N, C-alpha and C. Protein backbone atom coordinates (compact mmCIF):
# COMPACT_ATOMS: atom_id res chain seq x y z
N MET A 1 48.38 39.35 -62.60
CA MET A 1 47.46 38.29 -62.99
C MET A 1 46.38 38.91 -63.88
N SER A 2 46.12 38.27 -64.99
CA SER A 2 45.13 38.79 -65.93
C SER A 2 43.72 38.65 -65.37
N GLN A 3 42.79 39.42 -65.97
CA GLN A 3 41.39 39.36 -65.54
C GLN A 3 40.83 37.95 -65.71
N GLU A 4 41.20 37.29 -66.82
CA GLU A 4 40.72 35.93 -67.08
C GLU A 4 41.23 34.95 -66.03
N ASN A 5 42.52 35.07 -65.68
CA ASN A 5 43.09 34.19 -64.66
C ASN A 5 42.45 34.43 -63.30
N ARG A 6 42.17 35.71 -62.99
CA ARG A 6 41.51 36.05 -61.73
C ARG A 6 40.12 35.42 -61.66
N LEU A 7 39.41 35.48 -62.78
CA LEU A 7 38.07 34.90 -62.83
C LEU A 7 38.13 33.38 -62.66
N GLU A 8 39.09 32.74 -63.34
CA GLU A 8 39.26 31.29 -63.20
C GLU A 8 39.58 30.91 -61.75
N LYS A 9 40.46 31.69 -61.13
CA LYS A 9 40.83 31.42 -59.74
C LYS A 9 39.62 31.59 -58.83
N THR A 10 38.87 32.67 -59.03
CA THR A 10 37.68 32.92 -58.21
C THR A 10 36.68 31.78 -58.37
N ASN A 11 36.46 31.34 -59.61
CA ASN A 11 35.53 30.23 -59.84
C ASN A 11 36.02 28.96 -59.16
N ARG A 12 37.31 28.70 -59.26
CA ARG A 12 37.86 27.48 -58.64
C ARG A 12 37.70 27.53 -57.11
N ILE A 13 38.06 28.66 -56.52
CA ILE A 13 37.95 28.78 -55.07
C ILE A 13 36.49 28.64 -54.63
N ASN A 14 35.57 29.25 -55.37
CA ASN A 14 34.16 29.13 -55.03
C ASN A 14 33.68 27.67 -55.13
N LEU A 15 34.15 26.95 -56.15
CA LEU A 15 33.79 25.54 -56.27
C LEU A 15 34.38 24.71 -55.14
N LEU A 16 35.65 24.93 -54.85
CA LEU A 16 36.29 24.21 -53.74
C LEU A 16 35.57 24.53 -52.43
N PHE A 17 35.22 25.80 -52.27
CA PHE A 17 34.52 26.23 -51.05
C PHE A 17 33.18 25.49 -50.92
N ALA A 18 32.50 25.30 -52.03
CA ALA A 18 31.22 24.59 -52.00
C ALA A 18 31.38 23.16 -51.49
N PHE A 19 32.50 22.54 -51.84
CA PHE A 19 32.73 21.16 -51.42
C PHE A 19 33.29 21.05 -50.00
N TYR A 20 34.16 21.98 -49.63
CA TYR A 20 34.92 21.81 -48.40
C TYR A 20 34.64 22.87 -47.33
N GLU A 21 33.62 23.67 -47.52
CA GLU A 21 33.31 24.78 -46.59
C GLU A 21 33.29 24.32 -45.14
N ARG A 22 32.63 23.24 -44.87
CA ARG A 22 32.45 22.79 -43.48
C ARG A 22 33.74 22.31 -42.82
N LEU A 23 34.77 22.11 -43.63
CA LEU A 23 36.05 21.67 -43.08
C LEU A 23 36.95 22.85 -42.69
N LEU A 24 36.52 24.06 -43.03
CA LEU A 24 37.28 25.26 -42.72
C LEU A 24 36.86 25.83 -41.37
N THR A 25 37.74 26.62 -40.79
CA THR A 25 37.37 27.33 -39.57
C THR A 25 36.34 28.40 -39.90
N GLU A 26 35.65 28.88 -38.90
CA GLU A 26 34.64 29.92 -39.12
C GLU A 26 35.28 31.18 -39.72
N LYS A 27 36.45 31.54 -39.25
CA LYS A 27 37.15 32.73 -39.77
C LYS A 27 37.53 32.52 -41.24
N GLN A 28 38.03 31.35 -41.58
CA GLN A 28 38.38 31.06 -42.97
C GLN A 28 37.14 31.14 -43.86
N GLN A 29 36.04 30.56 -43.39
CA GLN A 29 34.79 30.62 -44.15
C GLN A 29 34.36 32.07 -44.38
N THR A 30 34.39 32.85 -43.33
CA THR A 30 33.94 34.25 -43.41
C THR A 30 34.80 35.04 -44.38
N PHE A 31 36.11 34.95 -44.25
CA PHE A 31 37.00 35.73 -45.11
C PHE A 31 36.87 35.31 -46.57
N LEU A 32 36.78 34.01 -46.82
CA LEU A 32 36.63 33.56 -48.21
C LEU A 32 35.30 34.01 -48.79
N LYS A 33 34.24 33.94 -48.00
CA LYS A 33 32.93 34.41 -48.48
C LYS A 33 33.00 35.88 -48.84
N TYR A 34 33.54 36.69 -47.94
CA TYR A 34 33.63 38.12 -48.20
C TYR A 34 34.45 38.41 -49.46
N TYR A 35 35.59 37.76 -49.56
CA TYR A 35 36.52 38.09 -50.64
C TYR A 35 36.10 37.50 -51.99
N PHE A 36 35.77 36.23 -52.03
CA PHE A 36 35.49 35.58 -53.31
C PHE A 36 34.01 35.60 -53.69
N HIS A 37 33.13 35.48 -52.74
CA HIS A 37 31.71 35.41 -53.06
C HIS A 37 31.08 36.80 -53.12
N ASP A 38 31.39 37.62 -52.10
CA ASP A 38 30.77 38.95 -52.02
C ASP A 38 31.61 40.04 -52.66
N ASP A 39 32.82 39.70 -53.10
CA ASP A 39 33.71 40.62 -53.83
C ASP A 39 34.15 41.83 -52.99
N PHE A 40 34.35 41.61 -51.69
CA PHE A 40 34.88 42.67 -50.85
C PHE A 40 36.38 42.81 -51.14
N SER A 41 36.90 44.00 -50.99
CA SER A 41 38.34 44.21 -51.13
C SER A 41 39.03 43.83 -49.82
N LEU A 42 40.35 43.69 -49.88
CA LEU A 42 41.10 43.41 -48.65
C LEU A 42 40.88 44.52 -47.64
N GLY A 43 40.87 45.76 -48.12
CA GLY A 43 40.67 46.91 -47.24
C GLY A 43 39.30 46.90 -46.58
N GLU A 44 38.27 46.53 -47.32
CA GLU A 44 36.92 46.47 -46.74
C GLU A 44 36.83 45.40 -45.66
N ILE A 45 37.44 44.26 -45.94
CA ILE A 45 37.43 43.18 -44.94
C ILE A 45 38.23 43.60 -43.71
N ALA A 46 39.39 44.21 -43.95
CA ALA A 46 40.23 44.67 -42.84
C ALA A 46 39.47 45.66 -41.96
N ALA A 47 38.75 46.59 -42.58
CA ALA A 47 37.99 47.57 -41.80
C ALA A 47 36.87 46.88 -41.01
N GLU A 48 36.23 45.91 -41.63
CA GLU A 48 35.13 45.20 -40.97
C GLU A 48 35.60 44.47 -39.72
N PHE A 49 36.81 43.90 -39.77
CA PHE A 49 37.31 43.10 -38.66
C PHE A 49 38.39 43.81 -37.83
N GLU A 50 38.64 45.07 -38.20
CA GLU A 50 39.63 45.90 -37.49
C GLU A 50 40.99 45.22 -37.39
N ILE A 51 41.44 44.71 -38.54
CA ILE A 51 42.79 44.13 -38.65
C ILE A 51 43.44 44.73 -39.89
N SER A 52 44.71 44.42 -40.09
CA SER A 52 45.42 44.99 -41.24
C SER A 52 45.05 44.27 -42.53
N ARG A 53 45.26 44.96 -43.63
CA ARG A 53 45.04 44.33 -44.94
C ARG A 53 45.95 43.12 -45.10
N GLN A 54 47.18 43.24 -44.60
CA GLN A 54 48.14 42.13 -44.69
C GLN A 54 47.62 40.91 -43.93
N ALA A 55 47.02 41.12 -42.79
CA ALA A 55 46.46 40.00 -42.01
C ALA A 55 45.33 39.33 -42.78
N VAL A 56 44.47 40.14 -43.40
CA VAL A 56 43.38 39.59 -44.20
C VAL A 56 43.95 38.77 -45.35
N TYR A 57 44.95 39.34 -46.04
CA TYR A 57 45.58 38.65 -47.16
C TYR A 57 46.14 37.30 -46.71
N GLU A 58 46.82 37.28 -45.59
CA GLU A 58 47.42 36.04 -45.09
C GLU A 58 46.35 35.01 -44.71
N HIS A 59 45.26 35.46 -44.10
CA HIS A 59 44.16 34.55 -43.77
C HIS A 59 43.57 33.93 -45.04
N ILE A 60 43.37 34.76 -46.05
CA ILE A 60 42.78 34.28 -47.31
C ILE A 60 43.72 33.31 -48.00
N LYS A 61 44.99 33.66 -48.08
CA LYS A 61 45.97 32.77 -48.73
C LYS A 61 46.05 31.43 -48.01
N ARG A 62 46.03 31.47 -46.69
CA ARG A 62 46.08 30.23 -45.91
C ARG A 62 44.83 29.38 -46.16
N ALA A 63 43.68 30.03 -46.20
CA ALA A 63 42.43 29.30 -46.46
C ALA A 63 42.44 28.69 -47.86
N GLU A 64 42.97 29.42 -48.84
CA GLU A 64 43.10 28.88 -50.20
C GLU A 64 43.97 27.63 -50.19
N GLN A 65 45.07 27.68 -49.47
CA GLN A 65 45.97 26.53 -49.38
C GLN A 65 45.27 25.34 -48.73
N VAL A 66 44.49 25.60 -47.70
CA VAL A 66 43.76 24.54 -47.03
C VAL A 66 42.77 23.89 -48.01
N LEU A 67 42.05 24.71 -48.77
CA LEU A 67 41.11 24.16 -49.76
C LEU A 67 41.84 23.31 -50.79
N GLU A 68 42.96 23.80 -51.29
CA GLU A 68 43.73 23.04 -52.28
C GLU A 68 44.27 21.74 -51.68
N ASN A 69 44.65 21.77 -50.41
CA ASN A 69 45.13 20.55 -49.74
C ASN A 69 44.02 19.52 -49.62
N TYR A 70 42.82 19.98 -49.25
CA TYR A 70 41.68 19.05 -49.19
C TYR A 70 41.41 18.46 -50.55
N GLU A 71 41.46 19.30 -51.58
CA GLU A 71 41.19 18.80 -52.93
C GLU A 71 42.25 17.79 -53.37
N SER A 72 43.50 18.05 -53.04
CA SER A 72 44.56 17.11 -53.44
C SER A 72 44.40 15.77 -52.74
N LYS A 73 43.86 15.78 -51.53
CA LYS A 73 43.67 14.53 -50.79
C LYS A 73 42.35 13.84 -51.12
N LEU A 74 41.29 14.60 -51.26
CA LEU A 74 39.96 14.01 -51.44
C LEU A 74 39.46 14.03 -52.88
N GLY A 75 39.87 15.01 -53.65
CA GLY A 75 39.53 15.06 -55.06
C GLY A 75 38.05 15.19 -55.39
N LEU A 76 37.26 15.80 -54.52
CA LEU A 76 35.83 15.89 -54.76
C LEU A 76 35.49 16.75 -55.98
N LEU A 77 36.18 17.87 -56.15
CA LEU A 77 35.91 18.73 -57.30
C LEU A 77 36.30 18.01 -58.60
N GLU A 78 37.44 17.36 -58.59
CA GLU A 78 37.88 16.62 -59.78
C GLU A 78 36.88 15.53 -60.16
N LYS A 79 36.40 14.80 -59.17
CA LYS A 79 35.41 13.75 -59.42
C LYS A 79 34.11 14.34 -59.95
N HIS A 80 33.70 15.46 -59.40
CA HIS A 80 32.49 16.16 -59.85
C HIS A 80 32.62 16.59 -61.32
N GLU A 81 33.76 17.19 -61.65
CA GLU A 81 33.98 17.64 -63.02
C GLU A 81 34.04 16.46 -63.99
N ARG A 82 34.68 15.37 -63.56
CA ARG A 82 34.76 14.18 -64.41
C ARG A 82 33.37 13.58 -64.63
N ARG A 83 32.56 13.53 -63.58
CA ARG A 83 31.20 13.01 -63.70
C ARG A 83 30.38 13.86 -64.68
N ASN A 84 30.53 15.18 -64.60
CA ASN A 84 29.80 16.06 -65.53
C ASN A 84 30.25 15.85 -66.97
N ARG A 85 31.56 15.67 -67.17
CA ARG A 85 32.06 15.38 -68.54
C ARG A 85 31.50 14.05 -69.03
N ASN A 86 31.47 13.05 -68.18
CA ASN A 86 30.93 11.74 -68.56
C ASN A 86 29.45 11.82 -68.89
N LEU A 87 28.71 12.62 -68.13
CA LEU A 87 27.28 12.80 -68.43
C LEU A 87 27.08 13.49 -69.78
N GLU A 88 27.91 14.48 -70.08
CA GLU A 88 27.83 15.13 -71.38
C GLU A 88 28.14 14.13 -72.50
N ASP A 89 29.16 13.32 -72.29
CA ASP A 89 29.51 12.28 -73.27
C ASP A 89 28.35 11.31 -73.46
N LEU A 90 27.73 10.91 -72.36
CA LEU A 90 26.59 10.00 -72.42
C LEU A 90 25.45 10.61 -73.23
N GLN A 91 25.13 11.86 -72.95
CA GLN A 91 24.06 12.53 -73.69
C GLN A 91 24.39 12.58 -75.18
N ASN A 92 25.63 12.91 -75.50
CA ASN A 92 26.04 12.96 -76.91
C ASN A 92 25.94 11.60 -77.58
N GLU A 93 26.36 10.55 -76.89
CA GLU A 93 26.29 9.20 -77.44
C GLU A 93 24.84 8.75 -77.63
N LEU A 94 23.98 9.07 -76.68
CA LEU A 94 22.57 8.73 -76.82
C LEU A 94 21.97 9.43 -78.04
N GLU A 95 22.30 10.69 -78.22
CA GLU A 95 21.79 11.42 -79.39
C GLU A 95 22.32 10.82 -80.68
N ARG A 96 23.62 10.44 -80.70
CA ARG A 96 24.21 9.82 -81.90
C ARG A 96 23.56 8.48 -82.20
N ALA A 97 23.13 7.79 -81.14
CA ALA A 97 22.49 6.48 -81.32
C ALA A 97 21.02 6.62 -81.69
N GLY A 98 20.57 7.85 -81.75
CA GLY A 98 19.19 8.08 -82.15
C GLY A 98 18.19 8.04 -81.02
N VAL A 99 18.68 8.06 -79.79
CA VAL A 99 17.78 8.07 -78.64
C VAL A 99 17.47 9.52 -78.31
N SER A 100 16.22 9.87 -78.37
CA SER A 100 15.80 11.23 -78.07
C SER A 100 15.63 11.38 -76.56
N ILE A 101 16.59 12.04 -75.93
CA ILE A 101 16.50 12.19 -74.48
C ILE A 101 15.48 13.25 -74.09
N ASP A 102 15.16 14.16 -74.99
CA ASP A 102 14.16 15.18 -74.70
C ASP A 102 12.79 14.57 -74.46
N ASN A 103 12.48 13.52 -75.17
CA ASN A 103 11.17 12.89 -75.07
C ASN A 103 11.16 11.69 -74.13
N ASN A 104 12.29 11.37 -73.54
CA ASN A 104 12.37 10.21 -72.66
C ASN A 104 12.54 10.68 -71.22
N GLN A 105 11.44 10.76 -70.50
CA GLN A 105 11.46 11.29 -69.13
C GLN A 105 12.33 10.45 -68.21
N GLN A 106 12.33 9.14 -68.40
CA GLN A 106 13.12 8.26 -67.53
C GLN A 106 14.61 8.57 -67.68
N ILE A 107 15.09 8.71 -68.91
CA ILE A 107 16.51 9.03 -69.11
C ILE A 107 16.82 10.41 -68.54
N ASN A 108 15.94 11.37 -68.79
CA ASN A 108 16.14 12.72 -68.24
C ASN A 108 16.20 12.70 -66.72
N ASP A 109 15.34 11.92 -66.10
CA ASP A 109 15.33 11.82 -64.64
C ASP A 109 16.65 11.23 -64.12
N ILE A 110 17.14 10.21 -64.78
CA ILE A 110 18.39 9.57 -64.37
C ILE A 110 19.56 10.55 -64.51
N ILE A 111 19.63 11.24 -65.63
CA ILE A 111 20.70 12.20 -65.85
C ILE A 111 20.63 13.31 -64.81
N HIS A 112 19.43 13.80 -64.53
CA HIS A 112 19.26 14.85 -63.54
C HIS A 112 19.73 14.37 -62.16
N GLN A 113 19.38 13.15 -61.79
CA GLN A 113 19.79 12.61 -60.50
C GLN A 113 21.31 12.48 -60.41
N LEU A 114 21.93 12.08 -61.49
CA LEU A 114 23.38 11.94 -61.51
C LEU A 114 24.09 13.30 -61.41
N ARG A 115 23.45 14.33 -61.91
CA ARG A 115 24.04 15.68 -61.85
C ARG A 115 23.97 16.27 -60.44
N GLU A 116 23.05 15.81 -59.63
CA GLU A 116 22.89 16.40 -58.27
C GLU A 116 23.99 15.99 -57.34
């Protein structure tokens, strides 16, 4: 797997984790945090929990599958990304229409609220 693909995968897992963290078991949360967020190696995690690297790998792969299953059913990340694209389109259209969003606090407040 290329460095770029690894980075994309890490970003995706971190985003999915942000949406679905509370639906994972404590062990799944811990292993994903160590591996994807804190950048621990399989060996470091294995040493920390006194299990094999293979066991850590299997736990992480299973947790990734669980996250992807939640996303396929609930689609929260997809909806979030679509909303952000729509907000960008809205900002571009407002600028094209000559509406200065920089000087319009009300529009800026609405856009900010929609991004949260």
